[in-house]
């Protein structure tokens, strides 16, 4: 098997597993079902992923990696605060529009398997997640404190800044079934999500007392 074919097979298995885990939960999904959806036999599935726990860890690491690395890179950069906000909003909307079930899957995994979280985040963050996060928050705190001292925004900690921003990005996807009912269907939800690409940074920055 060529490296390209090997990678393609692994990705197809992860795609099938992500769908199965989202629809049935990790405990409810069956390995045979995942193998069938990926177009491989069960023996080949176990060649790539020894058991369901290993497969779940692979899905979690890949899906979280789609967001965690670029978001960490953006928030820990020397870019201006308003630019960071716009970039993070764009990253979340792009990634979650392509993988709308990701928030529900991640929340289920961290609630039902908290013992795996440390190791998984270590893989996603390419090292100690606490050290990586600490560096990001240190950069953000410096920027936020300087901006507050200059009167350009109200005082806010880096932790509150990140939690508020991420929450505003994730909630419409986590609550998508409810929002579809309240807004009138998928088309209305899609329109709302696309409108947030421009509206959310303005809203968030205005809440900080910052002129976009």
Protein backbone atom coordinates (compact mmCIF):
# COMPACT_ATOMS: atom_id res chain seq x y z
CA UNK A 1 0.00 0.00 0.00
CA UNK A 2 1.40 3.40 -0.99
CA UNK A 3 1.70 6.18 1.64
CA UNK A 4 -1.03 8.11 -0.21
CA UNK A 5 -3.40 5.15 -0.16
CA UNK A 6 -2.54 4.48 3.46
CA UNK A 7 -3.41 8.06 4.40
CA UNK A 8 -6.61 7.98 2.36
CA UNK A 9 -7.79 4.79 4.05
CA UNK A 10 -7.06 6.18 7.51
CA UNK A 11 -8.94 9.40 6.73
CA UNK A 12 -11.95 7.48 5.39
CA UNK A 13 -12.08 5.46 8.60
CA UNK A 14 -11.88 8.61 10.71
CA UNK A 15 -14.61 10.27 8.64
CA UNK A 16 -16.89 7.25 9.06
CA UNK A 17 -16.15 7.05 12.77
CA UNK A 18 -16.85 10.74 13.29
CA UNK A 19 -20.29 10.31 11.70
CA UNK A 20 -21.05 7.17 13.72
CA UNK A 21 -19.91 8.72 17.00
CA UNK A 22 -21.95 11.85 16.36
CA UNK A 23 -25.11 9.86 15.58
CA UNK A 24 -24.80 7.05 18.14
CA UNK A 25 -22.24 8.22 20.68
CA UNK A 26 -18.92 6.48 21.19
CA UNK A 27 -20.46 3.67 23.22
CA UNK A 28 -23.33 3.11 20.79
CA UNK A 29 -21.33 3.06 17.57
CA UNK A 30 -20.32 -0.36 16.22
CA UNK A 31 -16.92 -1.09 14.68
CA UNK A 32 -18.52 -3.16 11.90
CA UNK A 33 -20.80 -0.23 11.05
CA UNK A 34 -17.78 2.07 10.84
CA UNK A 35 -15.84 -0.41 8.68
CA UNK A 36 -18.79 -0.74 6.29
CA UNK A 37 -19.19 3.05 6.00
CA UNK A 38 -15.45 3.45 5.34
CA UNK A 39 -15.47 0.71 2.70
CA UNK A 40 -12.95 -1.50 4.51
CA UNK A 41 -13.16 -4.87 6.22
CA UNK A 42 -13.08 -5.11 9.98
CA UNK A 43 -9.59 -6.61 10.02
CA UNK A 44 -8.22 -3.59 8.16
CA UNK A 45 -10.07 -1.25 10.54
CA UNK A 46 -8.35 -2.93 13.49
CA UNK A 47 -5.01 -2.70 11.66
CA UNK A 48 -5.30 1.09 11.75
CA UNK A 49 -7.10 1.40 15.09
CA UNK A 50 -6.71 -1.38 17.62
CA UNK A 51 -10.07 -0.81 19.32
CA UNK A 52 -12.90 1.67 19.62
CA UNK A 53 -11.12 3.71 22.28
CA UNK A 54 -8.09 4.16 20.03
CA UNK A 55 -10.38 5.13 17.15
CA UNK A 56 -12.30 7.62 19.32
CA UNK A 57 -9.01 9.17 20.41
CA UNK A 58 -7.98 9.48 16.75
CA UNK A 59 -11.23 11.22 15.82
CA UNK A 60 -11.06 13.57 18.81
CA UNK A 61 -7.43 14.50 18.13
CA UNK A 62 -8.03 15.17 14.44
CA UNK A 63 -11.22 17.17 14.93
CA UNK A 64 -9.89 19.25 17.81
CA UNK A 65 -6.66 19.82 15.90
CA UNK A 66 -8.61 21.51 13.12
CA UNK A 67 -9.39 24.35 15.54
CA UNK A 68 -7.07 24.29 18.53
CA UNK A 69 -3.78 24.73 16.69
CA UNK A 70 -4.82 27.62 14.41
CA UNK A 71 -6.76 29.34 17.22
CA UNK A 72 -3.77 29.04 19.59
CA UNK A 73 -1.50 30.36 16.84
CA UNK A 74 -3.80 33.31 16.19
CA UNK A 75 -4.43 34.30 19.82
CA UNK A 76 -0.75 33.92 20.72
CA UNK A 77 0.47 36.01 17.79
CA UNK A 78 1.45 39.68 17.81
CA UNK A 79 -1.53 40.65 15.64
CA UNK A 80 -3.76 43.48 16.82
CA UNK A 81 -6.64 42.53 19.11
CA UNK A 82 -9.36 43.41 16.61
CA UNK A 83 -7.58 41.38 13.93
CA UNK A 84 -7.36 38.40 16.30
CA UNK A 85 -11.09 38.57 16.96
CA UNK A 86 -11.92 38.57 13.25
CA UNK A 87 -9.51 35.73 12.51
CA UNK A 88 -10.82 33.54 15.34
CA UNK A 89 -14.44 34.14 14.31
CA UNK A 90 -13.52 33.18 10.74
CA UNK A 91 -11.70 30.03 11.86
CA UNK A 92 -14.66 28.85 13.93
CA UNK A 93 -17.26 29.64 11.27
CA UNK A 94 -15.24 27.98 8.49
CA UNK A 95 -14.42 24.85 10.49
CA UNK A 96 -17.79 24.37 12.17
CA UNK A 97 -19.72 25.07 8.98
CA UNK A 98 -17.81 22.18 7.41
CA UNK A 99 -18.11 20.00 10.53
CA UNK A 100 -21.26 21.25 12.32
CA UNK A 101 -21.43 18.23 14.62
CA UNK A 102 -18.00 18.93 16.10
CA UNK A 103 -19.13 20.89 19.21
CA UNK A 104 -21.64 18.22 20.24
CA UNK A 105 -19.08 15.47 19.67
CA UNK A 106 -16.32 17.23 21.62
CA UNK A 107 -18.62 18.10 24.53
CA UNK A 108 -19.82 14.50 24.76
CA UNK A 109 -16.27 13.17 24.72
CA UNK A 110 -14.96 15.48 27.45
CA UNK A 111 -17.98 14.78 29.67
CA UNK A 112 -18.06 11.01 29.28
CA UNK A 113 -14.31 10.41 29.00
CA UNK A 114 -12.59 13.15 31.04
CA UNK A 115 -9.75 10.75 31.86
CA UNK A 116 -8.63 10.87 28.21
CA UNK A 117 -8.69 14.63 27.93
CA UNK A 118 -5.16 15.39 29.14
CA UNK A 119 -3.48 13.00 26.71
CA UNK A 120 -5.65 14.06 23.79
CA UNK A 121 -5.04 17.75 24.36
CA UNK A 122 -1.31 17.07 24.58
CA UNK A 123 -1.44 15.62 21.06
CA UNK A 124 -3.65 18.42 19.75
CA UNK A 125 -1.46 21.17 21.24
CA UNK A 126 1.80 19.53 20.10
CA UNK A 127 3.09 19.49 23.68
CA UNK A 128 1.97 20.42 27.17
CA UNK A 129 -1.44 22.10 26.66
CA UNK A 130 -1.13 24.07 29.91
CA UNK A 131 2.21 25.56 28.86
CA UNK A 132 0.88 26.36 25.40
CA UNK A 133 -2.23 27.98 26.83
CA UNK A 134 -0.18 29.90 29.40
CA UNK A 135 1.93 31.45 26.64
CA UNK A 136 -1.18 32.44 24.70
CA UNK A 137 -2.81 34.01 27.75
CA UNK A 138 0.39 35.85 28.63
CA UNK A 139 0.48 37.52 25.21
CA UNK A 140 -3.23 38.34 25.35
CA UNK A 141 -3.03 39.71 28.90
CA UNK A 142 -0.23 42.04 27.85
CA UNK A 143 -2.23 43.35 24.92
CA UNK A 144 -5.45 43.71 26.92
CA UNK A 145 -3.78 45.48 29.83
CA UNK A 146 -1.98 47.88 27.50
CA UNK A 147 -5.19 48.68 25.62
CA UNK A 148 -7.11 49.21 28.88
CA UNK A 149 -4.37 51.51 30.22
CA UNK A 150 -4.65 53.58 27.04
CA UNK A 151 -8.44 53.76 27.44
CA UNK A 152 -9.10 51.80 24.24
CA UNK A 153 -11.20 49.10 25.93
CA UNK A 154 -12.64 48.22 29.31
CA UNK A 155 -10.49 46.02 31.59
CA UNK A 156 -10.92 42.29 30.91
CA UNK A 157 -8.76 39.25 31.65
CA UNK A 158 -7.43 37.07 28.87
CA UNK A 159 -9.40 34.08 30.23
CA UNK A 160 -12.68 36.01 30.11
CA UNK A 161 -11.82 37.36 26.66
CA UNK A 162 -11.24 33.87 25.24
CA UNK A 163 -14.20 32.20 26.97
CA UNK A 164 -16.59 34.93 25.81
CA UNK A 165 -15.32 34.90 22.24
CA UNK A 166 -15.31 31.11 21.86
CA UNK A 167 -18.76 30.82 23.44
CA UNK A 168 -20.24 33.27 20.95
CA UNK A 169 -18.66 31.32 18.08
CA UNK A 170 -19.66 27.83 19.22
CA UNK A 171 -23.16 28.25 20.65
CA UNK A 172 -25.09 28.52 17.34
CA UNK A 173 -23.57 25.22 16.22
CA UNK A 174 -24.04 23.47 19.58
CA UNK A 175 -27.68 24.62 19.67
CA UNK A 176 -28.33 24.25 15.93
CA UNK A 177 -31.46 22.02 16.27
CA UNK A 178 -33.11 24.61 18.54
CA UNK A 179 -32.08 27.55 16.37
CA UNK A 180 -33.42 25.82 13.24
CA UNK A 181 -36.82 25.53 14.91
CA UNK A 182 -36.81 29.13 16.16
CA UNK A 183 -35.60 30.69 12.90
CA UNK A 184 -37.60 28.62 10.44
CA UNK A 185 -35.24 25.98 9.09
CA UNK A 186 -31.76 25.26 7.76
CA UNK A 187 -31.74 28.08 5.20
CA UNK A 188 -32.46 30.63 7.92
CA UNK A 189 -29.76 29.13 10.14
CA UNK A 190 -27.24 29.22 7.29
CA UNK A 191 -28.05 32.88 6.65
CA UNK A 192 -27.68 33.71 10.34
CA UNK A 193 -24.31 31.96 10.55
CA UNK A 194 -22.95 33.72 7.49
CA UNK A 195 -24.18 37.10 8.76
CA UNK A 196 -22.28 36.48 12.01
CA UNK A 197 -18.97 36.48 10.12
CA UNK A 198 -19.18 40.29 9.93
CA UNK A 199 -21.59 41.01 12.79
CA UNK A 200 -19.97 38.98 15.57
CA UNK A 201 -16.56 40.74 15.60
CA UNK A 202 -18.33 44.12 15.64
CA UNK A 203 -20.59 43.00 18.48
CA UNK A 204 -17.74 41.53 20.52
CA UNK A 205 -15.43 44.51 20.08
CA UNK A 206 -18.24 46.96 20.89
CA UNK A 207 -18.91 45.01 24.09
CA UNK A 208 -15.30 45.69 25.09
CA UNK A 209 -15.83 49.39 24.41
CA UNK A 210 -13.47 49.10 21.46
CA UNK A 211 -14.15 50.90 18.20
CA UNK A 212 -13.71 48.37 15.36
